[in-house]
Amino acid sequence: MKSCCNITKKNRMCKRRKDGKLFKLPRRFSKKKCLTQKIKGFSMRSSCAPFKFCKTIKQKGGKKQFLYNPNDPKKSFDVYIDKDPSDTIPIKYTTVKDVGDTIKKLEKLYKSGKYSHKRIWQVGMIMKVRLEAMKKHKKTKYPNAKDVTKRFNLANKYFKFLGKRTKIKEEEERKKLKFNLV
């Protein structure tokens, strides 16, 4: 028996997740309508009964606040706010060569042990996001920008490489991994 939270149009019966009660399908009000609108009246309440506990489960696993601790904002970390300007890693992404040089510099900083993988990943992510925005608004905001797609593709390739490197747990193995600019 399929859970009422995971039904399709083909299903004729479903089992409610919390108490195991069985319900016949289809209902007068769709699952989508039951979960998005305020339940009004007896007909809607009885029709939406199978989906009663689906909404609460969805909210628990919903969007998480990225690196933000509402109980203690001092523990929060925002990569866009520069709390320590002396620790800034300057990045250039004006040309394809600049992007390549920045990537080489980031790799050198990581391999020499000056910065952690996490910090290099954050800088790589910022570079990728900025170039992605330039690519998105190429025709309107940046009409004179050259090689935006090439620059973005290179930054994106490096960002994916950093994602692969994240999965390797051993620090020595991580440092052996090499990024090819070509």
N, C-alpha and C. Protein backbone atom coordinates (compact mmCIF):
# COMPACT_ATOMS: atom_id res chain seq x y z
N MET A 1 0.85 -1.19 0.00
CA MET A 1 0.00 0.00 0.00
C MET A 1 0.89 1.24 0.00
N LYS A 2 0.58 2.18 -0.86
CA LYS A 2 1.39 3.39 -1.01
C LYS A 2 0.97 4.46 0.01
N SER A 3 1.96 5.22 0.47
CA SER A 3 1.69 6.30 1.41
C SER A 3 0.89 7.40 0.71
N CYS A 4 -0.02 8.02 1.43
CA CYS A 4 -0.84 9.09 0.85
C CYS A 4 -0.01 10.31 0.45
N CYS A 5 1.16 10.45 1.03
CA CYS A 5 2.04 11.59 0.70
C CYS A 5 2.72 11.39 -0.64
N ASN A 6 2.78 10.14 -1.13
CA ASN A 6 3.50 9.84 -2.37
C ASN A 6 2.60 9.30 -3.48
N ILE A 7 1.34 9.67 -3.48
CA ILE A 7 0.41 9.10 -4.46
C ILE A 7 0.56 9.72 -5.85
N THR A 8 0.07 8.96 -6.85
CA THR A 8 -0.03 9.47 -8.22
C THR A 8 -1.49 9.36 -8.63
N LYS A 9 -1.80 9.81 -9.84
CA LYS A 9 -3.20 9.77 -10.30
C LYS A 9 -3.70 8.34 -10.50
N LYS A 10 -2.79 7.39 -10.70
CA LYS A 10 -3.18 6.01 -10.97
C LYS A 10 -3.61 5.26 -9.71
N ASN A 11 -3.17 5.71 -8.53
CA ASN A 11 -3.47 5.01 -7.28
C ASN A 11 -4.96 5.08 -6.95
N ARG A 12 -5.48 3.97 -6.41
CA ARG A 12 -6.90 3.90 -6.01
C ARG A 12 -7.07 3.85 -4.50
N MET A 13 -6.00 3.48 -3.78
CA MET A 13 -6.04 3.43 -2.31
C MET A 13 -4.71 3.94 -1.79
N CYS A 14 -4.74 4.50 -0.58
CA CYS A 14 -3.49 4.92 0.04
C CYS A 14 -3.60 4.78 1.55
N LYS A 15 -2.42 4.76 2.20
CA LYS A 15 -2.35 4.59 3.64
C LYS A 15 -1.75 5.85 4.25
N ARG A 16 -2.46 6.42 5.25
CA ARG A 16 -1.95 7.63 5.90
C ARG A 16 -0.72 7.28 6.74
N ARG A 17 0.28 8.11 6.65
CA ARG A 17 1.59 7.83 7.24
C ARG A 17 1.54 7.68 8.77
N LYS A 18 0.89 8.59 9.45
CA LYS A 18 0.96 8.64 10.91
C LYS A 18 0.20 7.51 11.60
N ASP A 19 -1.05 7.27 11.18
CA ASP A 19 -1.87 6.28 11.89
C ASP A 19 -2.20 5.03 11.07
N GLY A 20 -1.80 4.98 9.80
CA GLY A 20 -2.02 3.79 8.97
C GLY A 20 -3.45 3.63 8.45
N LYS A 21 -4.29 4.65 8.58
CA LYS A 21 -5.67 4.58 8.11
C LYS A 21 -5.71 4.54 6.59
N LEU A 22 -6.61 3.72 6.01
CA LEU A 22 -6.72 3.57 4.56
C LEU A 22 -7.76 4.53 3.99
N PHE A 23 -7.47 5.06 2.82
CA PHE A 23 -8.37 6.00 2.15
C PHE A 23 -8.53 5.61 0.69
N LYS A 24 -9.75 5.81 0.16
CA LYS A 24 -10.00 5.58 -1.26
C LYS A 24 -9.62 6.83 -2.04
N LEU A 25 -9.14 6.62 -3.24
CA LEU A 25 -8.76 7.71 -4.13
C LEU A 25 -9.52 7.59 -5.43
N PRO A 26 -9.75 8.62 -6.20
CA PRO A 26 -9.36 10.01 -6.01
C PRO A 26 -10.27 10.72 -5.02
N ARG A 27 -9.80 11.83 -4.48
CA ARG A 27 -10.56 12.66 -3.54
C ARG A 27 -11.12 13.87 -4.28
N ARG A 28 -12.06 14.55 -3.66
CA ARG A 28 -12.67 15.72 -4.29
C ARG A 28 -11.65 16.84 -4.48
N PHE A 29 -10.79 17.05 -3.47
CA PHE A 29 -9.74 18.06 -3.55
C PHE A 29 -8.40 17.36 -3.73
N SER A 30 -7.60 17.89 -4.63
CA SER A 30 -6.30 17.27 -4.93
C SER A 30 -5.33 17.46 -3.76
N LYS A 31 -4.28 16.64 -3.75
CA LYS A 31 -3.25 16.72 -2.72
C LYS A 31 -2.61 18.12 -2.72
N LYS A 32 -2.35 18.64 -3.93
CA LYS A 32 -1.72 19.95 -4.06
C LYS A 32 -2.59 21.04 -3.43
N LYS A 33 -3.90 20.98 -3.72
CA LYS A 33 -4.83 21.97 -3.18
C LYS A 33 -4.91 21.86 -1.66
N CYS A 34 -4.91 20.63 -1.16
CA CYS A 34 -5.00 20.41 0.29
C CYS A 34 -3.77 20.94 1.02
N LEU A 35 -2.60 20.80 0.40
CA LEU A 35 -1.36 21.20 1.07
C LEU A 35 -1.06 22.69 0.93
N THR A 36 -1.60 23.33 -0.12
CA THR A 36 -1.27 24.74 -0.34
C THR A 36 -2.33 25.70 0.17
N GLN A 37 -3.59 25.31 0.12
CA GLN A 37 -4.66 26.22 0.54
C GLN A 37 -5.08 25.96 1.98
N LYS A 38 -5.74 26.97 2.57
CA LYS A 38 -6.30 26.81 3.90
C LYS A 38 -7.53 25.93 3.79
N ILE A 39 -7.65 24.96 4.68
CA ILE A 39 -8.78 24.02 4.61
C ILE A 39 -10.02 24.70 5.18
N LYS A 40 -11.06 24.81 4.31
CA LYS A 40 -12.30 25.48 4.68
C LYS A 40 -13.46 24.50 4.57
N GLY A 41 -14.26 24.38 5.61
CA GLY A 41 -15.48 23.58 5.57
C GLY A 41 -15.26 22.09 5.77
N PHE A 42 -16.39 21.39 6.03
CA PHE A 42 -16.34 19.96 6.32
C PHE A 42 -15.92 19.14 5.11
N SER A 43 -16.46 19.46 3.93
CA SER A 43 -16.15 18.69 2.72
C SER A 43 -14.66 18.70 2.42
N MET A 44 -14.07 19.87 2.52
CA MET A 44 -12.65 19.98 2.22
C MET A 44 -11.82 19.26 3.29
N ARG A 45 -12.24 19.38 4.55
CA ARG A 45 -11.50 18.73 5.63
C ARG A 45 -11.51 17.22 5.47
N SER A 46 -12.67 16.66 5.15
CA SER A 46 -12.75 15.20 4.98
C SER A 46 -12.03 14.74 3.72
N SER A 47 -12.10 15.54 2.67
CA SER A 47 -11.42 15.20 1.42
C SER A 47 -9.90 15.26 1.58
N CYS A 48 -9.44 16.17 2.42
CA CYS A 48 -7.99 16.35 2.63
C CYS A 48 -7.43 15.50 3.76
N ALA A 49 -8.27 14.69 4.40
CA ALA A 49 -7.82 13.86 5.52
C ALA A 49 -6.61 12.97 5.21
N PRO A 50 -6.53 12.34 4.02
CA PRO A 50 -5.35 11.49 3.77
C PRO A 50 -4.03 12.26 3.77
N PHE A 51 -4.09 13.53 3.47
CA PHE A 51 -2.87 14.33 3.33
C PHE A 51 -2.58 15.17 4.57
N LYS A 52 -3.32 14.87 5.66
CA LYS A 52 -3.26 15.65 6.88
C LYS A 52 -1.84 15.81 7.44
N PHE A 53 -1.03 14.75 7.40
CA PHE A 53 0.30 14.80 8.01
C PHE A 53 1.42 14.95 6.99
N CYS A 54 1.09 15.11 5.73
CA CYS A 54 2.12 15.28 4.70
C CYS A 54 2.79 16.65 4.82
N LYS A 55 2.01 17.66 5.15
CA LYS A 55 2.52 19.03 5.19
C LYS A 55 3.58 19.20 6.27
N THR A 56 3.35 18.65 7.45
CA THR A 56 4.29 18.83 8.55
C THR A 56 5.62 18.15 8.25
N ILE A 57 5.60 17.02 7.59
CA ILE A 57 6.83 16.30 7.25
C ILE A 57 7.62 17.09 6.22
N LYS A 58 6.94 17.68 5.25
CA LYS A 58 7.62 18.47 4.22
C LYS A 58 8.33 19.67 4.83
N GLN A 59 7.70 20.32 5.81
CA GLN A 59 8.28 21.53 6.40
C GLN A 59 9.54 21.21 7.20
N LYS A 60 9.60 20.04 7.85
CA LYS A 60 10.77 19.67 8.64
C LYS A 60 12.00 19.57 7.77
N GLY A 61 11.87 18.98 6.61
CA GLY A 61 13.02 18.81 5.72
C GLY A 61 13.14 19.93 4.72
N GLY A 62 12.54 21.05 5.00
CA GLY A 62 12.52 22.17 4.05
C GLY A 62 13.86 22.86 3.92
N LYS A 63 13.83 24.07 3.45
CA LYS A 63 15.05 24.83 3.19
C LYS A 63 15.79 25.11 4.49
N LYS A 64 17.07 24.75 4.51
CA LYS A 64 17.88 24.99 5.69
C LYS A 64 18.60 26.33 5.54
N GLN A 65 18.84 26.98 6.67
CA GLN A 65 19.54 28.26 6.64
C GLN A 65 21.02 27.97 6.53
N PHE A 66 21.62 28.39 5.44
CA PHE A 66 23.01 28.05 5.14
C PHE A 66 23.97 28.78 6.08
N LEU A 67 24.66 28.00 6.90
CA LEU A 67 25.67 28.52 7.81
C LEU A 67 25.19 29.71 8.64
N TYR A 68 23.92 29.68 9.04
CA TYR A 68 23.40 30.76 9.88
C TYR A 68 22.81 30.15 11.13
N ASN A 69 23.24 30.63 12.28
CA ASN A 69 22.74 30.15 13.55
C ASN A 69 21.90 31.26 14.18
N PRO A 70 20.55 31.16 14.11
CA PRO A 70 19.71 32.24 14.63
C PRO A 70 19.84 32.43 16.15
N ASN A 71 20.22 31.37 16.89
CA ASN A 71 20.37 31.48 18.34
C ASN A 71 21.62 32.28 18.73
N ASP A 72 22.68 32.16 17.94
CA ASP A 72 23.92 32.88 18.21
C ASP A 72 24.52 33.37 16.89
N PRO A 73 24.12 34.57 16.43
CA PRO A 73 24.60 35.07 15.14
C PRO A 73 26.12 35.20 15.03
N LYS A 74 26.83 35.28 16.18
CA LYS A 74 28.29 35.38 16.13
C LYS A 74 28.92 34.10 15.58
N LYS A 75 28.23 32.97 15.76
CA LYS A 75 28.73 31.69 15.23
C LYS A 75 28.42 31.54 13.75
N SER A 76 27.60 32.42 13.22
CA SER A 76 27.21 32.35 11.81
C SER A 76 28.38 32.70 10.92
N PHE A 77 28.31 32.24 9.68
CA PHE A 77 29.38 32.54 8.74
C PHE A 77 28.79 32.93 7.41
N ASP A 78 29.11 34.12 6.94
CA ASP A 78 28.63 34.60 5.66
C ASP A 78 29.84 34.90 4.79
N VAL A 79 29.98 34.19 3.68
CA VAL A 79 31.16 34.35 2.83
C VAL A 79 31.18 35.71 2.13
N TYR A 80 30.06 36.41 2.08
CA TYR A 80 30.02 37.69 1.39
C TYR A 80 30.38 38.87 2.29
N ILE A 81 30.40 38.66 3.60
CA ILE A 81 30.76 39.73 4.52
C ILE A 81 32.21 39.49 4.97
N ASP A 82 33.04 40.49 4.81
CA ASP A 82 34.46 40.36 5.11
C ASP A 82 34.71 40.78 6.56
N LYS A 83 34.79 39.81 7.47
CA LYS A 83 35.00 40.12 8.88
C LYS A 83 36.46 40.44 9.18
N ASP A 84 37.37 39.86 8.39
CA ASP A 84 38.81 40.08 8.59
C ASP A 84 39.45 40.44 7.25
N PRO A 85 39.53 41.75 6.94
CA PRO A 85 40.06 42.17 5.63
C PRO A 85 41.49 41.73 5.36
N SER A 86 42.29 41.49 6.40
CA SER A 86 43.68 41.06 6.19
C SER A 86 43.74 39.64 5.63
N ASP A 87 42.66 38.90 5.80
CA ASP A 87 42.61 37.50 5.36
C ASP A 87 41.99 37.36 3.96
N THR A 88 41.76 38.46 3.27
CA THR A 88 41.10 38.44 1.97
C THR A 88 41.97 37.81 0.90
N ILE A 89 41.35 36.96 0.06
CA ILE A 89 42.04 36.39 -1.09
C ILE A 89 41.51 37.13 -2.32
N PRO A 90 42.33 37.99 -2.94
CA PRO A 90 41.83 38.72 -4.12
C PRO A 90 41.67 37.79 -5.32
N ILE A 91 40.56 37.95 -6.03
CA ILE A 91 40.33 37.14 -7.23
C ILE A 91 40.08 38.05 -8.42
N LYS A 92 40.56 37.62 -9.58
CA LYS A 92 40.32 38.36 -10.82
C LYS A 92 39.61 37.43 -11.79
N TYR A 93 38.64 37.97 -12.50
CA TYR A 93 37.92 37.16 -13.48
C TYR A 93 37.52 37.99 -14.70
N THR A 94 38.36 38.98 -15.05
CA THR A 94 38.08 39.85 -16.19
C THR A 94 38.28 39.14 -17.52
N THR A 95 39.31 38.29 -17.60
CA THR A 95 39.57 37.53 -18.83
C THR A 95 39.69 36.06 -18.48
N VAL A 96 39.76 35.22 -19.51
CA VAL A 96 39.93 33.78 -19.30
C VAL A 96 41.27 33.53 -18.61
N LYS A 97 42.29 34.31 -19.00
CA LYS A 97 43.62 34.18 -18.39
C LYS A 97 43.56 34.53 -16.90
N ASP A 98 42.81 35.59 -16.55
CA ASP A 98 42.66 35.97 -15.14
C ASP A 98 42.03 34.85 -14.33
N VAL A 99 40.99 34.23 -14.89
CA VAL A 99 40.32 33.12 -14.20
C VAL A 99 41.31 31.98 -13.99
N GLY A 100 42.07 31.65 -15.04
CA GLY A 100 43.07 30.59 -14.94
C GLY A 100 44.14 30.90 -13.90
N ASP A 101 44.61 32.15 -13.90
CA ASP A 101 45.63 32.56 -12.92
C ASP A 101 45.08 32.51 -11.49
N THR A 102 43.83 32.92 -11.32
CA THR A 102 43.19 32.86 -10.00
C THR A 102 43.11 31.42 -9.52
N ILE A 103 42.73 30.51 -10.42
CA ILE A 103 42.63 29.09 -10.05
C ILE A 103 44.00 28.56 -9.66
N LYS A 104 45.03 28.91 -10.44
CA LYS A 104 46.41 28.48 -10.11
C LYS A 104 46.81 29.00 -8.73
N LYS A 105 46.47 30.27 -8.46
CA LYS A 105 46.81 30.88 -7.18
C LYS A 105 46.09 30.18 -6.03
N LEU A 106 44.79 29.87 -6.22
CA LEU A 106 44.03 29.18 -5.18
C LEU A 106 44.62 27.80 -4.90
N GLU A 107 45.00 27.09 -5.97
CA GLU A 107 45.60 25.76 -5.80
C GLU A 107 46.93 25.87 -5.05
N LYS A 108 47.73 26.88 -5.38
CA LYS A 108 49.02 27.09 -4.73
C LYS A 108 48.82 27.38 -3.23
N LEU A 109 47.83 28.24 -2.92
CA LEU A 109 47.53 28.57 -1.52
C LEU A 109 47.09 27.34 -0.74
N TYR A 110 46.31 26.46 -1.40
CA TYR A 110 45.84 25.25 -0.72
C TYR A 110 46.98 24.25 -0.53
N LYS A 111 47.74 24.02 -1.59
CA LYS A 111 48.81 23.01 -1.54
C LYS A 111 49.92 23.43 -0.56
N SER A 112 50.17 24.75 -0.42
CA SER A 112 51.19 25.22 0.51
C SER A 112 50.70 25.17 1.96
N GLY A 113 49.39 24.98 2.14
CA GLY A 113 48.83 24.87 3.49
C GLY A 113 48.44 26.20 4.11
N LYS A 114 48.46 27.27 3.32
CA LYS A 114 48.11 28.59 3.85
C LYS A 114 46.61 28.69 4.14
N TYR A 115 45.79 28.08 3.27
CA TYR A 115 44.34 28.10 3.47
C TYR A 115 43.78 26.68 3.41
N SER A 116 42.66 26.49 4.12
CA SER A 116 42.02 25.17 4.15
C SER A 116 41.23 24.94 2.86
N HIS A 117 40.86 23.69 2.65
CA HIS A 117 40.05 23.35 1.47
C HIS A 117 38.71 24.09 1.51
N LYS A 118 38.15 24.20 2.71
CA LYS A 118 36.86 24.87 2.89
C LYS A 118 36.93 26.32 2.40
N ARG A 119 38.00 27.01 2.77
CA ARG A 119 38.18 28.42 2.39
C ARG A 119 38.36 28.56 0.88
N ILE A 120 39.15 27.67 0.28
CA ILE A 120 39.38 27.70 -1.16
C ILE A 120 38.06 27.42 -1.88
N TRP A 121 37.27 26.47 -1.34
CA TRP A 121 35.97 26.13 -1.93
C TRP A 121 35.06 27.36 -1.92
N GLN A 122 35.07 28.11 -0.82
CA GLN A 122 34.22 29.30 -0.71
C GLN A 122 34.62 30.35 -1.74
N VAL A 123 35.91 30.55 -1.92
CA VAL A 123 36.39 31.53 -2.90
C VAL A 123 36.03 31.08 -4.31
N GLY A 124 36.21 29.77 -4.58
CA GLY A 124 35.83 29.21 -5.88
C GLY A 124 34.35 29.37 -6.16
N MET A 125 33.54 29.18 -5.11
CA MET A 125 32.10 29.31 -5.25
C MET A 125 31.71 30.76 -5.56
N ILE A 126 32.35 31.71 -4.89
CA ILE A 126 32.05 33.12 -5.14
C ILE A 126 32.40 33.50 -6.57
N MET A 127 33.56 33.04 -7.05
CA MET A 127 33.97 33.33 -8.42
C MET A 127 32.96 32.73 -9.42
N LYS A 128 32.55 31.50 -9.17
CA LYS A 128 31.58 30.82 -10.05
C LYS A 128 30.25 31.58 -10.06
N VAL A 129 29.76 31.96 -8.89
CA VAL A 129 28.47 32.64 -8.78
C VAL A 129 28.49 34.00 -9.48
N ARG A 130 29.60 34.72 -9.32
CA ARG A 130 29.71 36.04 -9.98
C ARG A 130 29.72 35.90 -11.49
N LEU A 131 30.48 34.92 -11.99
CA LEU A 131 30.53 34.72 -13.45
C LEU A 131 29.19 34.18 -13.97
N GLU A 132 28.51 33.40 -13.14
CA GLU A 132 27.18 32.89 -13.52
C GLU A 132 26.20 34.05 -13.68
N ALA A 133 26.28 35.02 -12.77
CA ALA A 133 25.42 36.21 -12.85
C ALA A 133 25.76 37.02 -14.10
N MET A 134 27.05 37.13 -14.42
CA MET A 134 27.45 37.85 -15.63
C MET A 134 26.92 37.15 -16.87
N LYS A 135 26.98 35.83 -16.86
CA LYS A 135 26.50 35.06 -18.01
C LYS A 135 24.99 35.22 -18.17
N LYS A 136 24.29 35.21 -17.04
CA LYS A 136 22.83 35.33 -17.05
C LYS A 136 22.38 36.70 -17.60
N HIS A 137 23.11 37.76 -17.22
CA HIS A 137 22.73 39.12 -17.62
C HIS A 137 23.66 39.67 -18.69
N LYS A 138 24.21 38.80 -19.50
CA LYS A 138 25.19 39.18 -20.52
C LYS A 138 24.64 40.23 -21.49
N LYS A 139 23.41 40.04 -21.93
CA LYS A 139 22.84 40.94 -22.94
C LYS A 139 22.37 42.27 -22.36
N THR A 140 21.91 42.27 -21.11
CA THR A 140 21.35 43.49 -20.53
C THR A 140 22.37 44.31 -19.74
N LYS A 141 22.98 43.72 -18.71
CA LYS A 141 23.87 44.47 -17.82
C LYS A 141 25.32 44.50 -18.28
N TYR A 142 25.76 43.45 -18.99
CA TYR A 142 27.17 43.36 -19.40
C TYR A 142 27.28 43.14 -20.91
N PRO A 143 26.82 44.09 -21.73
CA PRO A 143 26.85 43.88 -23.18
C PRO A 143 28.26 43.88 -23.78
N ASN A 144 29.22 44.53 -23.11
CA ASN A 144 30.59 44.61 -23.64
C ASN A 144 31.52 43.53 -23.09
N ALA A 145 31.02 42.69 -22.20
CA ALA A 145 31.85 41.64 -21.60
C ALA A 145 32.22 40.60 -22.65
N LYS A 146 33.49 40.19 -22.63
CA LYS A 146 33.98 39.23 -23.62
C LYS A 146 34.25 37.88 -22.97
N ASP A 147 34.03 36.82 -23.74
CA ASP A 147 34.32 35.44 -23.31
C ASP A 147 33.66 35.07 -21.98
N VAL A 148 32.46 35.56 -21.73
CA VAL A 148 31.79 35.28 -20.46
C VAL A 148 31.54 33.78 -20.30
N THR A 149 31.09 33.13 -21.37
CA THR A 149 30.79 31.70 -21.31
C THR A 149 32.05 30.89 -21.03
N LYS A 150 33.16 31.24 -21.70
CA LYS A 150 34.42 30.52 -21.47
C LYS A 150 34.89 30.69 -20.03
N ARG A 151 34.79 31.92 -19.53
CA ARG A 151 35.22 32.18 -18.15
C ARG A 151 34.35 31.42 -17.16
N PHE A 152 33.02 31.45 -17.41
CA PHE A 152 32.11 30.73 -16.51
C PHE A 152 32.37 29.23 -16.56
N ASN A 153 32.56 28.69 -17.77
CA ASN A 153 32.80 27.24 -17.90
C ASN A 153 34.05 26.81 -17.14
N LEU A 154 35.10 27.62 -17.21
CA LEU A 154 36.34 27.30 -16.50
C LEU A 154 36.13 27.36 -14.98
N ALA A 155 35.45 28.40 -14.51
CA ALA A 155 35.18 28.54 -13.07
C ALA A 155 34.27 27.42 -12.59
N ASN A 156 33.29 27.05 -13.41
CA ASN A 156 32.36 25.98 -13.06
C ASN A 156 33.09 24.63 -13.01
N LYS A 157 33.98 24.41 -13.96
CA LYS A 157 34.78 23.17 -13.99
C LYS A 157 35.63 23.07 -12.72
N TYR A 158 36.22 24.19 -12.30
CA TYR A 158 37.04 24.21 -11.09
C TYR A 158 36.16 23.97 -9.86
N PHE A 159 34.97 24.57 -9.84
CA PHE A 159 34.06 24.39 -8.71
C PHE A 159 33.64 22.93 -8.58
N LYS A 160 33.37 22.27 -9.71
CA LYS A 160 33.02 20.84 -9.68
C LYS A 160 34.21 20.01 -9.20
N PHE A 161 35.42 20.40 -9.62
CA PHE A 161 36.64 19.73 -9.17
C PHE A 161 36.76 19.84 -7.64
N LEU A 162 36.47 21.03 -7.11
CA LEU A 162 36.53 21.23 -5.65
C LEU A 162 35.49 20.36 -4.95
N GLY A 163 34.33 20.17 -5.58
CA GLY A 163 33.30 19.29 -5.03
C GLY A 163 33.79 17.85 -4.95
N LYS A 164 34.50 17.40 -6.00
CA LYS A 164 35.07 16.04 -5.99
C LYS A 164 36.13 15.92 -4.90
N ARG A 165 36.93 16.98 -4.75
CA ARG A 165 37.99 16.96 -3.74
C ARG A 165 37.40 16.93 -2.33
N THR A 166 36.23 17.53 -2.15
CA THR A 166 35.57 17.54 -0.84
C THR A 166 35.26 16.13 -0.38
N LYS A 167 34.89 15.26 -1.32
CA LYS A 167 34.50 13.89 -0.98
C LYS A 167 35.67 13.05 -0.48
N ILE A 168 36.90 13.44 -0.82
CA ILE A 168 38.08 12.72 -0.34
C ILE A 168 38.39 13.20 1.07
N LYS A 169 38.43 12.27 2.02
CA LYS A 169 38.59 12.65 3.42
C LYS A 169 40.04 12.85 3.85
N GLU A 170 40.97 12.10 3.26
CA GLU A 170 42.38 12.21 3.64
C GLU A 170 42.99 13.49 3.07
N GLU A 171 43.63 14.29 3.91
CA GLU A 171 44.23 15.56 3.49
C GLU A 171 45.35 15.35 2.47
N GLU A 172 46.17 14.31 2.68
CA GLU A 172 47.28 14.03 1.76
C GLU A 172 46.76 13.65 0.38
N GLU A 173 45.68 12.85 0.36
CA GLU A 173 45.07 12.43 -0.91
C GLU A 173 44.47 13.64 -1.63
N ARG A 174 43.89 14.54 -0.85
CA ARG A 174 43.30 15.76 -1.42
C ARG A 174 44.38 16.60 -2.12
N LYS A 175 45.53 16.72 -1.47
CA LYS A 175 46.60 17.56 -2.02
C LYS A 175 47.22 16.95 -3.27
N LYS A 176 47.12 15.62 -3.43
CA LYS A 176 47.66 14.96 -4.62
C LYS A 176 46.78 15.23 -5.85
N LEU A 177 45.49 15.47 -5.61
CA LEU A 177 44.55 15.71 -6.70
C LEU A 177 44.93 16.98 -7.45
N LYS A 178 45.00 16.89 -8.79
CA LYS A 178 45.44 18.02 -9.60
C LYS A 178 44.33 18.49 -10.52
N PHE A 179 44.21 19.81 -10.68
CA PHE A 179 43.22 20.39 -11.59
C PHE A 179 43.90 20.74 -12.92
N ASN A 180 43.30 20.27 -14.02
CA ASN A 180 43.83 20.58 -15.36
C ASN A 180 43.09 21.77 -15.94
N LEU A 181 43.81 22.83 -16.25
CA LEU A 181 43.19 24.04 -16.81
C LEU A 181 42.69 23.85 -18.23
N VAL A 182 43.25 22.92 -18.98
CA VAL A 182 42.92 22.74 -20.40
C VAL A 182 41.57 22.09 -20.55
